[in-house]
Protein backbone atom coordinates (compact mmCIF):
# COMPACT_ATOMS: atom_id res chain seq x y z
CA UNK A 1 40.12 41.60 63.02
CA UNK A 2 38.16 44.80 62.95
CA UNK A 3 39.75 48.13 63.72
CA UNK A 4 38.03 50.10 66.43
CA UNK A 5 38.10 53.91 66.23
CA UNK A 6 39.99 55.66 68.93
CA UNK A 7 39.27 58.95 70.63
CA UNK A 8 41.97 61.19 71.97
CA UNK A 9 41.10 64.19 74.08
CA UNK A 10 43.45 66.95 75.11
CA UNK A 11 42.41 69.18 77.99
CA UNK A 12 42.49 72.95 77.74
CA UNK A 13 45.60 74.72 79.02
CA UNK A 14 43.74 76.08 82.05
CA UNK A 15 42.41 72.67 82.95
CA UNK A 16 45.82 71.18 82.51
CA UNK A 17 47.37 73.67 84.82
CA UNK A 18 44.64 73.11 87.42
CA UNK A 19 45.37 69.38 87.25
CA UNK A 20 49.11 69.86 87.60
CA UNK A 21 49.13 70.64 91.29
CA UNK A 22 52.56 70.55 92.87
CA UNK A 23 53.28 69.84 96.54
CA UNK A 24 56.07 71.42 98.51
CA UNK A 25 59.06 69.02 98.72
CA UNK A 26 59.36 66.68 101.67
CA UNK A 27 62.10 67.53 104.11
CA UNK A 28 65.34 65.73 103.32
CA UNK A 29 66.74 63.45 106.05
CA UNK A 30 69.96 64.63 107.70
CA UNK A 31 73.29 63.75 106.18
CA UNK A 32 75.52 61.25 107.96
CA UNK A 33 77.55 62.55 110.94
CA UNK A 34 79.83 59.50 111.29
CA UNK A 35 82.28 60.51 108.59
CA UNK A 36 80.87 58.12 105.98
CA UNK A 37 82.36 58.98 102.62
CA UNK A 38 79.65 59.95 100.23
CA UNK A 39 79.91 59.89 96.45
CA UNK A 40 77.43 61.00 93.84
CA UNK A 41 73.85 60.01 94.65
CA UNK A 42 71.35 58.33 92.34
CA UNK A 43 67.69 58.96 92.04
CA UNK A 44 64.58 56.93 91.31
CA UNK A 45 61.31 58.19 89.95
CA UNK A 46 58.39 56.62 91.79
CA UNK A 47 54.86 56.91 90.43
CA UNK A 48 51.77 55.75 92.34
CA UNK A 49 48.05 55.57 91.66
CA UNK A 50 45.43 55.44 94.31
CA UNK A 51 41.79 55.01 95.14
CA UNK A 52 41.71 58.78 95.66
CA UNK A 53 42.06 59.47 91.92
CA UNK A 54 45.57 60.94 92.56
CA UNK A 55 48.58 60.23 90.39
CA UNK A 56 51.64 61.04 92.47
CA UNK A 57 55.28 61.36 91.46
CA UNK A 58 58.08 61.11 94.02
CA UNK A 59 61.79 61.35 93.51
CA UNK A 60 63.84 59.16 95.89
CA UNK A 61 67.47 60.27 96.14
CA UNK A 62 69.75 57.46 97.36
CA UNK A 63 73.39 58.14 98.33
CA UNK A 64 75.94 55.84 96.75
CA UNK A 65 77.58 54.76 99.97
CA UNK A 66 79.15 51.42 100.82
CA UNK A 67 76.78 48.56 101.51
CA UNK A 68 77.41 48.76 105.27
CA UNK A 69 76.58 52.48 105.28
CA UNK A 70 73.34 52.06 103.46
CA UNK A 71 72.22 49.23 105.78
CA UNK A 72 73.03 51.19 108.97
CA UNK A 73 71.72 54.61 107.92
CA UNK A 74 68.38 55.34 106.36
CA UNK A 75 69.47 58.29 104.26
CA UNK A 76 67.05 58.12 101.32
CA UNK A 77 65.35 61.55 100.79
CA UNK A 78 61.96 61.87 99.10
CA UNK A 79 60.61 64.82 97.13
CA UNK A 80 57.20 65.15 95.44
CA UNK A 81 57.66 66.39 91.94
CA UNK A 82 54.06 66.15 90.58
CA UNK A 83 50.59 65.46 91.87
CA UNK A 84 47.72 65.14 89.34
CA UNK A 85 43.98 64.61 89.62
CA UNK A 86 44.35 62.15 86.78
CA UNK A 87 40.95 60.43 86.77
CA UNK A 88 37.44 60.97 88.10
CA UNK A 89 37.50 57.69 90.01
CA UNK A 90 39.96 55.16 91.31
CA UNK A 91 43.22 54.38 89.46
CA UNK A 92 43.70 50.66 88.97
CA UNK A 93 46.76 50.22 86.80
CA UNK A 94 49.90 51.92 85.43
CA UNK A 95 52.36 51.17 82.69
CA UNK A 96 55.58 52.68 81.40
CA UNK A 97 57.47 52.02 78.16
CA UNK A 98 60.55 49.78 78.44
CA UNK A 99 64.01 51.31 77.75
CA UNK A 100 65.19 51.44 74.16
CA UNK A 101 67.53 48.74 72.94
CA UNK A 102 69.72 51.43 71.30
CA UNK A 103 72.35 52.74 73.67
CA UNK A 104 72.81 55.89 71.51
CA UNK A 105 69.27 57.11 72.33
CA UNK A 106 68.98 55.69 75.86
CA UNK A 107 70.14 58.89 77.51
CA UNK A 108 67.86 60.99 75.27
CA UNK A 109 64.60 59.10 75.18
CA UNK A 110 61.47 60.00 77.06
CA UNK A 111 59.10 57.59 78.75
CA UNK A 112 55.41 57.17 78.16
CA UNK A 113 53.24 56.70 81.26
CA UNK A 114 49.75 55.29 80.87
CA UNK A 115 47.18 55.17 83.71
CA UNK A 116 43.87 53.41 83.74
CA UNK A 117 40.99 53.52 86.13
CA UNK A 118 37.28 52.91 86.69
CA UNK A 119 36.32 55.92 84.65
CA UNK A 120 36.94 54.00 81.37
CA UNK A 121 39.82 56.37 80.40
CA UNK A 122 43.51 55.74 79.68
CA UNK A 123 45.52 58.89 80.38
CA UNK A 124 48.86 59.36 78.71
CA UNK A 125 51.90 61.39 79.75
CA UNK A 126 55.45 62.10 78.60
CA UNK A 127 57.96 61.73 81.38
CA UNK A 128 61.71 62.50 81.13
CA UNK A 129 64.17 59.81 82.24
CA UNK A 130 66.50 62.56 83.71
CA UNK A 131 66.43 64.73 86.75
CA UNK A 132 65.50 68.42 86.38
CA UNK A 133 68.66 70.53 85.71
CA UNK A 134 68.21 72.50 88.91
CA UNK A 135 67.39 69.54 91.15
CA UNK A 136 70.77 69.40 92.91
CA UNK A 137 70.88 73.20 93.29
CA UNK A 138 67.86 73.18 95.69
CA UNK A 139 68.86 74.59 99.03
CA UNK A 140 67.13 74.56 102.38
CA UNK A 141 66.89 78.38 102.37
CA UNK A 142 64.92 78.51 99.17
CA UNK A 143 61.32 79.61 99.34
CA UNK A 144 58.52 77.09 98.79
CA UNK A 145 57.86 78.44 95.28
CA UNK A 146 61.47 78.17 94.25
CA UNK A 147 61.66 74.63 95.61
CA UNK A 148 58.64 73.66 93.61
CA UNK A 149 59.99 75.14 90.41
CA UNK A 150 63.31 73.34 90.84
CA UNK A 151 61.54 70.00 91.29
CA UNK A 152 59.43 70.50 88.18
CA UNK A 153 60.75 68.81 85.08
CA UNK A 154 60.14 70.93 81.88
CA UNK A 155 60.28 67.72 79.83
CA UNK A 156 57.14 66.27 81.48
CA UNK A 157 53.87 66.94 79.75
CA UNK A 158 50.35 65.56 79.36
CA UNK A 159 49.39 63.93 76.05
CA UNK A 160 45.68 63.29 76.41
CA UNK A 161 43.38 60.35 76.90
CA UNK A 162 42.23 57.22 75.05
CA UNK A 163 38.52 56.44 75.21
CA UNK A 164 38.18 53.21 73.22
CA UNK A 165 37.05 51.07 76.19
CA UNK A 166 33.53 51.05 77.55
CA UNK A 167 34.20 49.82 81.07
CA UNK A 168 36.79 49.80 83.85
CA UNK A 169 40.39 49.46 82.68
CA UNK A 170 42.09 46.73 84.71
CA UNK A 171 45.50 46.21 83.11
CA UNK A 172 47.95 48.10 80.87
CA UNK A 173 51.22 46.86 79.31
CA UNK A 174 53.86 48.20 76.93
CA UNK A 175 55.42 45.00 75.41
CA UNK A 176 57.50 47.29 73.24
CA UNK A 177 57.95 51.07 72.89
CA UNK A 178 55.71 50.96 69.86
CA UNK A 179 52.65 49.20 71.24
CA UNK A 180 50.26 49.58 74.14
CA UNK A 181 47.95 46.69 75.25
CA UNK A 182 45.00 47.53 77.50
CA UNK A 183 42.45 45.11 79.05
CA UNK A 184 39.10 46.19 80.49
CA UNK A 185 35.86 44.82 81.98
CA UNK A 186 34.20 45.06 78.63
CA UNK A 187 35.98 41.77 77.91
CA UNK A 188 38.33 43.32 75.25
CA UNK A 189 42.07 43.67 74.91
CA UNK A 190 42.87 46.60 72.62
CA UNK A 191 46.24 46.93 70.79
CA UNK A 192 47.20 50.58 70.15
CA UNK A 193 50.10 52.07 68.20
CA UNK A 194 51.98 54.70 70.21
CA UNK A 195 53.09 56.81 67.20
CA UNK A 196 49.53 58.10 66.58
CA UNK A 197 47.52 56.15 69.20
CA UNK A 198 45.42 54.34 66.61
CA UNK A 199 43.77 51.14 67.78
CA UNK A 200 45.24 48.50 65.47
CA UNK A 201 43.15 45.58 66.71
CA UNK A 202 40.75 44.55 69.44
CA UNK A 203 40.71 41.05 70.86
CA UNK A 204 37.34 40.08 72.25
CA UNK A 205 37.04 37.43 74.93
CA UNK A 206 33.68 35.63 75.30
CA UNK A 207 31.35 36.69 78.13
CA UNK A 208 31.09 33.87 80.71
CA UNK A 209 27.82 31.99 81.05
CA UNK A 210 25.89 32.17 84.34
CA UNK A 211 26.39 28.55 85.48
CA UNK A 212 26.72 29.17 89.23
CA UNK A 213 26.82 32.42 91.11
CA UNK A 214 29.74 32.37 93.55
CA UNK A 215 29.46 33.54 97.11
CA UNK A 216 29.88 37.31 97.41
CA UNK A 217 28.99 38.03 93.78
CA UNK A 218 28.05 41.72 93.38
CA UNK A 219 26.87 41.57 89.80
CA UNK A 220 23.32 42.91 89.15
CA UNK A 221 20.54 40.38 88.76
CA UNK A 222 20.66 38.71 85.37
CA UNK A 223 24.29 39.58 84.80
CA UNK A 224 27.56 37.81 85.38
CA UNK A 225 30.95 39.28 86.36
CA UNK A 226 32.95 39.82 83.21
CA UNK A 227 36.18 41.42 82.16
CA UNK A 228 39.89 40.83 81.72
CA UNK A 229 41.70 40.44 85.05
CA UNK A 230 45.19 40.24 83.64
CA UNK A 231 47.18 39.18 80.58
CA UNK A 232 50.84 38.31 79.87
CA UNK A 233 52.62 38.69 76.54
CA UNK A 234 55.18 36.01 75.66
CA UNK A 235 58.78 37.34 75.25
CA UNK A 236 58.55 36.37 71.53
CA UNK A 237 55.61 38.82 71.23
CA UNK A 238 53.66 36.21 69.24
CA UNK A 239 51.42 34.67 71.89
CA UNK A 240 49.56 35.94 74.97
CA UNK A 241 47.70 34.37 77.86
CA UNK A 242 44.79 35.99 79.66
CA UNK A 243 42.55 35.34 82.67
CA UNK A 244 39.15 36.86 83.21
CA UNK A 245 36.32 37.30 85.73
CA UNK A 246 33.80 34.52 86.15
CA UNK A 247 35.92 32.03 84.19
CA UNK A 248 37.70 29.00 85.64
CA UNK A 249 40.05 28.90 82.69
CA UNK A 250 42.97 30.51 80.97
CA UNK A 251 42.91 31.62 77.33
CA UNK A 252 45.83 31.50 74.90
CA UNK A 253 45.88 34.09 72.03
CA UNK A 254 47.83 34.28 68.80
CA UNK A 255 49.00 37.83 68.50
CA UNK A 256 50.02 37.31 64.79
CA UNK A 257 46.41 36.58 63.75
CA UNK A 258 44.61 38.09 66.72
CA UNK A 259 42.58 34.91 67.27
CA UNK A 260 42.14 32.46 70.07
CA UNK A 261 44.73 29.65 70.11
CA UNK A 262 43.34 27.51 72.93
CA UNK A 263 41.62 27.31 76.34
CA UNK A 264 42.94 25.65 79.49
CA UNK A 265 40.25 24.84 82.01
CA UNK A 266 41.11 24.66 85.73
CA UNK A 267 39.83 21.41 87.08
CA UNK A 268 38.54 20.98 90.62
CA UNK A 269 41.67 19.32 91.97
CA UNK A 270 43.90 22.13 90.66
CA UNK A 271 41.64 24.74 92.28
CA UNK A 272 41.47 22.86 95.54
CA UNK A 273 45.28 22.75 95.68
CA UNK A 274 45.44 26.56 95.74
CA UNK A 275 42.67 26.89 98.43
CA UNK A 276 39.89 27.76 95.99
CA UNK A 277 36.77 26.24 97.50
CA UNK A 278 33.48 25.48 95.79
CA UNK A 279 32.24 28.82 97.02
CA UNK A 280 35.11 30.74 95.46
CA UNK A 281 35.09 32.21 91.95
CA UNK A 282 37.97 30.03 90.78
CA UNK A 283 39.11 32.69 88.39
CA UNK A 284 42.73 33.56 87.68
CA UNK A 285 43.83 36.93 89.10
CA UNK A 286 47.42 37.25 87.66
CA UNK A 287 49.39 35.89 84.73
CA UNK A 288 53.12 36.12 84.15
CA UNK A 289 55.77 34.50 81.90
CA UNK A 290 59.28 33.81 83.07
CA UNK A 291 62.27 35.41 81.34
CA UNK A 292 62.97 32.57 78.90
CA UNK A 293 59.31 32.08 78.02
CA UNK A 294 59.21 28.34 78.75
CA UNK A 295 57.12 28.55 81.84
CA UNK A 296 54.20 30.70 83.08
CA UNK A 297 52.35 31.23 86.31
CA UNK A 298 48.68 31.74 86.95
CA UNK A 299 47.92 33.49 90.22
CA UNK A 300 44.79 32.93 92.19
CA UNK A 301 43.44 34.59 95.34
CA UNK A 302 45.65 32.69 97.89
CA UNK A 303 48.01 30.70 95.70
CA UNK A 304 49.54 30.27 92.23
CA UNK A 305 50.28 27.38 89.86
CA UNK A 306 53.38 26.97 87.74
CA UNK A 307 52.70 25.65 84.20
CA UNK A 308 55.15 24.33 81.64
CA UNK A 309 55.06 25.36 77.97
CA UNK A 310 52.68 22.46 77.20
CA UNK A 311 50.19 23.84 79.74
CA UNK A 312 50.78 21.06 82.21
CA UNK A 313 50.93 22.07 85.91
CA UNK A 314 54.35 21.52 87.52
CA UNK A 315 53.70 22.70 91.11
CA UNK A 316 51.83 25.07 93.27
CA UNK A 317 53.00 28.19 95.17
CA UNK A 318 51.54 28.88 98.50
CA UNK A 319 52.50 31.52 101.06
CA UNK A 320 53.68 30.23 104.45
CA UNK A 321 52.04 31.14 106.68
CA UNK A 322 48.95 31.31 104.39
CA UNK A 323 48.10 34.79 103.08
CA UNK A 324 46.44 36.46 100.13
CA UNK A 325 48.78 37.16 97.15
CA UNK A 326 48.94 40.49 95.36
CA UNK A 327 51.61 41.49 92.78
CA UNK A 328 53.88 38.99 91.06
CA UNK A 329 57.30 39.49 89.37
CA UNK A 330 60.35 37.54 88.25
CA UNK A 331 63.88 38.36 89.46
CA UNK A 332 67.07 37.20 87.69
CA UNK A 333 70.30 37.50 89.67
CA UNK A 334 72.96 39.24 87.57
CA UNK A 335 75.95 37.01 88.45
CA UNK A 336 74.51 33.50 88.87
CA UNK A 337 71.68 34.08 86.43
CA UNK A 338 69.37 32.25 88.77
CA UNK A 339 65.70 33.11 88.41
CA UNK A 340 63.28 33.62 91.28
CA UNK A 341 59.54 34.09 91.38
CA UNK A 342 58.59 37.04 93.67
CA UNK A 343 55.20 37.90 95.12
CA UNK A 344 53.78 40.25 97.71
CA UNK A 345 51.24 39.24 100.42
CA UNK A 346 48.41 40.62 102.43
CA UNK A 347 50.45 40.46 105.65
CA UNK A 348 53.20 42.78 104.40
CA UNK A 349 55.84 40.41 103.08
CA UNK A 350 57.66 39.91 99.76
CA UNK A 351 58.32 36.21 99.22
CA UNK A 352 61.00 34.67 96.93
CA UNK A 353 60.60 31.21 95.37
CA UNK A 354 63.20 29.19 93.45
CA UNK A 355 61.20 27.24 90.93
CA UNK A 356 63.62 24.39 90.40
CA UNK A 357 62.90 20.74 90.99
CA UNK A 358 65.33 20.61 93.96
CA UNK A 359 63.34 23.39 95.69
CA UNK A 360 59.92 21.73 95.80
CA UNK A 361 58.36 18.99 97.77
CA UNK A 362 58.69 15.37 96.78
CA UNK A 363 56.12 13.75 94.59
CA UNK A 364 52.66 13.62 96.13
CA UNK A 365 51.77 10.15 97.48
CA UNK A 366 48.75 8.32 96.15
CA UNK A 367 46.87 8.52 99.48
CA UNK A 368 47.35 12.31 99.77
CA UNK A 369 44.46 14.72 99.26
CA UNK A 370 46.82 17.14 97.45
CA UNK A 371 47.40 17.00 93.76
CA UNK A 372 50.58 19.10 93.06
CA UNK A 373 54.06 19.33 94.57
CA UNK A 374 54.59 22.54 96.61
CA UNK A 375 57.34 25.13 96.12
CA UNK A 376 58.44 26.41 99.51
CA UNK A 377 59.38 30.00 100.45
CA UNK A 378 63.12 30.41 99.84
CA UNK A 379 63.68 33.96 101.09
CA UNK A 380 61.45 36.54 102.73
CA UNK A 381 61.52 40.42 102.80
CA UNK A 382 59.47 42.64 105.08
CA UNK A 383 56.86 41.40 107.50
CA UNK A 384 56.29 42.12 111.19
CA UNK A 385 60.02 41.83 111.91
CA UNK A 386 60.65 44.99 109.93
CA UNK A 387 57.47 46.87 111.14
CA UNK A 388 55.85 46.30 107.75
CA UNK A 389 52.28 45.63 108.96
CA UNK A 390 50.08 46.70 106.08
CA UNK A 391 49.55 44.70 102.94
CA UNK A 392 52.02 45.32 100.07
CA UNK A 393 49.77 46.14 97.14
CA UNK A 394 52.48 46.46 94.51
CA UNK A 395 56.26 46.51 94.19
CA UNK A 396 59.02 47.12 91.65
CA UNK A 397 62.49 45.56 91.37
CA UNK A 398 65.24 47.83 90.02
CA UNK A 399 68.86 46.71 89.29
CA UNK A 400 71.36 48.96 91.09
CA UNK A 401 74.75 49.32 89.43
CA UNK A 402 77.01 50.06 92.37
CA UNK A 403 79.49 47.15 91.89
CA UNK A 404 77.85 44.93 94.53
CA UNK A 405 75.21 43.07 92.44
CA UNK A 406 72.40 44.58 94.51
CA UNK A 407 68.79 45.54 93.82
CA UNK A 408 66.41 48.15 94.94
CA UNK A 409 62.89 47.04 95.76
CA UNK A 410 60.21 49.74 96.04
CA UNK A 411 57.03 48.64 97.81
CA UNK A 412 53.77 50.51 98.35
CA UNK A 413 50.95 49.72 100.80
CA UNK A 414 47.28 50.64 100.92
CA UNK A 415 47.93 52.76 104.02
CA UNK A 416 49.93 55.18 101.85
CA UNK A 417 53.50 54.23 102.78
CA UNK A 418 56.32 53.95 100.23
CA UNK A 419 59.38 51.93 101.29
CA UNK A 420 62.67 51.41 99.56
CA UNK A 421 64.66 48.24 100.32
CA UNK A 422 68.16 47.21 99.38
CA UNK A 423 68.75 43.55 98.53
CA UNK A 424 72.18 42.00 97.68
CA UNK A 425 72.69 38.90 95.65
CA UNK A 426 74.90 37.40 98.35
CA UNK A 427 71.86 37.16 100.67
CA UNK A 428 70.32 34.45 98.51
CA UNK A 429 73.28 32.04 98.99
CA UNK A 430 73.33 28.72 97.26
CA UNK A 431 72.05 26.19 99.90
CA UNK A 432 71.13 22.79 98.70
CA UNK A 433 67.63 21.75 99.87
CA UNK A 434 66.89 18.05 99.64
CA UNK A 435 63.41 17.12 98.51
CA UNK A 436 62.70 15.01 101.51
CA UNK A 437 63.19 18.04 103.83
CA UNK A 438 60.20 19.74 102.26
CA UNK A 439 56.66 18.88 103.13
CA UNK A 440 53.37 19.41 101.47
CA UNK A 441 51.20 22.45 102.22
CA UNK A 442 48.91 20.63 104.61
CA UNK A 443 51.92 19.87 106.86
CA UNK A 444 53.69 23.25 106.53
CA UNK A 445 52.07 24.67 109.70
CA UNK A 446 52.69 21.59 111.88
CA UNK A 447 55.61 21.31 114.22
CA UNK A 448 57.78 18.23 114.80
CA UNK A 449 59.18 17.43 118.27
CA UNK A 450 62.23 15.69 119.47
CA UNK A 451 62.16 12.76 121.83
CA UNK A 452 62.50 15.21 124.73
CA UNK A 453 59.50 17.19 123.45
CA UNK A 454 61.42 20.30 122.29
CA UNK A 455 59.62 21.98 119.45
CA UNK A 456 61.41 22.42 116.15
CA UNK A 457 60.86 24.73 113.20
CA UNK A 458 57.86 23.94 110.97
CA UNK A 459 58.72 21.42 108.31
CA UNK A 460 60.08 23.13 105.20
CA UNK A 461 60.70 26.41 106.98
CA UNK A 462 64.44 25.85 107.38
CA UNK A 463 65.09 27.19 103.92
CA UNK A 464 63.40 30.52 104.58
CA UNK A 465 65.55 33.43 105.71
CA UNK A 466 64.96 37.16 106.13
CA UNK A 467 66.77 39.21 103.48
CA UNK A 468 66.93 42.85 102.49
CA UNK A 469 67.21 46.07 104.46
CA UNK A 470 64.83 49.03 104.61
CA UNK A 471 66.81 52.13 103.63
CA UNK A 472 63.96 54.71 103.48
CA UNK A 473 60.23 55.25 104.04
CA UNK A 474 57.86 57.97 102.87
CA UNK A 475 54.27 58.27 104.11
CA UNK A 476 51.47 59.75 102.03
CA UNK A 477 47.76 60.15 102.67
CA UNK A 478 46.86 58.15 99.54
CA UNK A 479 45.26 54.74 99.48
CA UNK A 480 47.75 53.42 96.95
CA UNK A 481 46.73 50.75 94.44
CA UNK A 482 49.50 50.55 91.85
CA UNK A 483 53.15 51.47 91.32
CA UNK A 484 55.79 52.09 88.67
CA UNK A 485 59.43 53.13 89.14
CA UNK A 486 62.58 53.64 87.12
CA UNK A 487 66.10 54.98 87.71
CA UNK A 488 66.74 58.58 86.64
CA UNK A 489 69.76 59.84 84.78
CA UNK A 490 71.75 62.93 85.76
CA UNK A 491 70.70 66.29 84.19
CA UNK A 492 73.98 66.52 82.31
CA UNK A 493 72.82 63.84 79.96
CA UNK A 494 70.32 66.18 78.25
CA UNK A 495 70.88 69.64 79.60
CA UNK A 496 71.15 72.23 76.88
CA UNK A 497 70.04 69.90 74.12
CA UNK A 498 66.73 69.12 72.42
CA UNK A 499 66.52 65.49 73.43
CA UNK A 500 65.05 62.97 71.04
CA UNK A 501 61.87 61.76 72.67
CA UNK A 502 59.10 59.33 71.94
CA UNK A 503 57.56 61.69 69.39
CA UNK A 504 60.17 60.45 66.92
CA UNK A 505 58.48 58.19 64.33
CA UNK A 506 61.66 56.20 63.90
CA UNK A 507 61.18 54.63 67.34
CA UNK A 508 57.49 53.70 66.85
CA UNK A 509 56.85 52.05 63.52
CA UNK A 510 54.93 48.95 64.69
CA UNK A 511 56.24 45.74 66.15
CA UNK A 512 59.99 45.08 66.42
CA UNK A 513 61.47 43.57 63.28
CA UNK A 514 62.90 40.62 65.19
CA UNK A 515 59.41 39.65 66.45
CA UNK A 516 57.56 39.71 63.22
């Protein structure tokens, strides 16, 4: 593997100050007047990128009330703490470093934020994982200037930019705190070391051949759409899967040698099962491994397919009613350790799927036109019932340690809205769903009728139930494209000390020892 030279640029101080434009804080919502006992609140740092080239940071302060109080009262307050003209064109992806495994430095470490866009740059920032020391001392009588200064975090700073890609940056990922992976439309995946931002290796995917031009292709004459759509690193950090533009296949890479390990072509029957017609591109849009690393999912435009470790398809995932899929995550419940596949849709829903054999349709009969069993929607969040009308472009799932085994789900829409939802583990239940009660996708929208002609629920819909409660909403003027979020610590964790950040070489010395 050849080593590609990297370029790091650091803007002048005057330019950096011009970029670091702060907004006046949003007005906090009123405190409860019903006598609800309020304890210490917790805060979440929300970071969004947009088509408008803006990188926005918002602090959401969430009171630590009882579950009933949070559901009945929307008391989350939002405050802008930074607003940057980060790129010269649209921002497509964000990535933050995972928390350190060492509990001793967890309260002292900083976080790296990387942003990529259509201007071929990867911008890098240091972000603190703690609130500013003066955050809670902000009063309503303070002037706008004082409020801005109290929301600023002196630990946040800009690092510079990486310029080793020659086309639009589509995906960024920190598999460890020592390594950054970036995929772009130049058909390369670059592996960079975070201690000095040297490009250690570059994986080059082949450019697809112009066999058939799909409908709606916008490539110039004589060229084919090319580039990395998404990639997913195995939990062992030794293998990686990737999907690209113009390719009806998935590629498997060996991260130890940096070479291709295999190619899995998507046959016509598999593409037809996820509503990919002959006029569609048939390319994979998303890729994700489950927590144990024994299964992975390839997402398409309007569906997804679950594969086992031997690359054999196990079942398909279709939204009901049908809708385009956007972001995909995995959720593991803390108490039952049950794992769910979570995806957001074009019609403003977050859908939960249990990918166990008991939660999918029976085996496909020989005379059926479908080729794969179907996993049905198990739980649903958002949608028209909760006034969530716009598409959910991205979302994050954050564990919330309040003693109730609950989660916070932060969603963003293209219309500029940021919503915070609270979801408890008890809402998932443990209902048994017999296989014969689930139907295939072609029958999901049909209704059965009793002898008297009374309509029933659509087949397979009896397992779907609305979960989660919206506890706060913040509206911006940005056309949001991507999101990252993490829970902030209290200022007391680092106030008055020179915290050990990511500049320390001891934290970034290559791959983790247990993964080599």
